[in-house]
């Protein structure tokens, strides 16, 4: 009688949910599902069935990837990712 997903609106960042989903996977290593698949273009389906720590980490990575004011580098475990986009 419940779900572990939400479909927040990301149209302020991109109207193309497929491209945004691919971008987040490649740049922030976060898996999302394009809202287009659910008739909600511009939205992304996010799962929140993990631990609070995992959810907070995923949200932090999404913020890092989309926020132009974010630092140029982020660590995911021992792996350092660098912003190479604007």
Protein backbone atom coordinates (compact mmCIF):
# COMPACT_ATOMS: atom_id res chain seq x y z
CA UNK A 1 0.00 0.00 0.00
CA UNK A 2 2.97 2.31 -0.47
CA UNK A 3 5.85 3.12 -2.67
CA UNK A 4 9.49 3.93 -2.29
CA UNK A 5 9.70 6.40 -5.16
CA UNK A 6 9.14 10.08 -5.74
CA UNK A 7 9.03 12.07 -8.99
CA UNK A 8 10.41 15.54 -8.25
CA UNK A 9 10.30 18.24 -10.91
CA UNK A 10 13.72 19.02 -12.44
CA UNK A 11 12.50 21.30 -15.25
CA UNK A 12 14.49 24.20 -13.78
CA UNK A 13 17.59 22.22 -14.80
CA UNK A 14 16.43 20.41 -17.93
CA UNK A 15 13.19 19.72 -19.76
CA UNK A 16 14.73 16.49 -21.13
CA UNK A 17 14.51 13.88 -18.37
CA UNK A 18 16.31 11.23 -20.43
CA UNK A 19 19.35 13.48 -20.97
CA UNK A 20 19.33 14.61 -17.33
CA UNK A 21 19.14 11.03 -16.10
CA UNK A 22 22.13 10.09 -18.28
CA UNK A 23 24.04 13.16 -17.11
CA UNK A 24 23.53 12.31 -13.42
CA UNK A 25 24.61 8.72 -14.00
CA UNK A 26 27.77 9.72 -15.87
CA UNK A 27 28.81 12.70 -13.77
CA UNK A 28 27.51 11.99 -10.25
CA UNK A 29 27.15 8.19 -10.39
CA UNK A 30 23.49 8.44 -9.35
CA UNK A 31 20.90 6.21 -10.99
CA UNK A 32 17.53 7.82 -11.75
CA UNK A 33 14.69 6.93 -14.10
CA UNK A 34 13.49 9.54 -16.60
CA UNK A 35 10.04 10.87 -15.82
CA UNK A 36 9.24 10.61 -19.53
CA UNK A 37 8.70 6.88 -18.94
CA UNK A 38 5.81 7.79 -16.62
CA UNK A 39 4.34 10.59 -18.72
CA UNK A 40 6.08 13.23 -16.58
CA UNK A 41 8.75 14.79 -18.79
CA UNK A 42 11.11 17.03 -16.84
CA UNK A 43 10.78 14.88 -13.71
CA UNK A 44 13.06 12.11 -12.43
CA UNK A 45 11.99 9.06 -10.50
CA UNK A 46 14.11 8.69 -7.38
CA UNK A 47 14.04 5.71 -5.07
CA UNK A 48 14.22 6.22 -1.33
CA UNK A 49 14.25 2.59 -0.23
CA UNK A 50 17.92 2.71 0.86
CA UNK A 51 19.31 3.83 4.18
CA UNK A 52 19.09 7.46 5.21
CA UNK A 53 22.86 7.71 4.70
CA UNK A 54 22.57 6.38 1.11
CA UNK A 55 19.68 8.71 0.31
CA UNK A 56 21.53 11.73 1.71
CA UNK A 57 24.63 10.78 -0.30
CA UNK A 58 22.60 10.51 -3.52
CA UNK A 59 20.91 13.85 -2.95
CA UNK A 60 24.28 15.46 -2.19
CA UNK A 61 25.71 14.11 -5.46
CA UNK A 62 22.71 15.38 -7.44
CA UNK A 63 23.11 18.80 -5.82
CA UNK A 64 26.84 18.80 -6.59
CA UNK A 65 26.22 17.94 -10.25
CA UNK A 66 23.47 20.55 -10.78
CA UNK A 67 24.55 23.46 -8.57
CA UNK A 68 26.86 25.81 -10.52
CA UNK A 69 28.18 27.13 -7.18
CA UNK A 70 29.27 23.65 -6.02
CA UNK A 71 32.96 22.88 -5.54
CA UNK A 72 34.86 21.56 -8.55
CA UNK A 73 35.66 18.23 -6.87
CA UNK A 74 33.81 15.64 -4.84
CA UNK A 75 34.93 12.35 -3.36
CA UNK A 76 32.88 9.18 -3.65
CA UNK A 77 34.74 6.76 -1.43
CA UNK A 78 38.35 6.99 -2.61
CA UNK A 79 37.32 8.16 -6.06
CA UNK A 80 37.63 11.87 -6.85
CA UNK A 81 35.23 13.32 -9.42
CA UNK A 82 35.83 16.68 -11.06
CA UNK A 83 33.35 19.04 -12.65
CA UNK A 84 34.16 19.31 -16.36
CA UNK A 85 30.91 21.02 -17.32
CA UNK A 86 29.19 24.33 -16.63
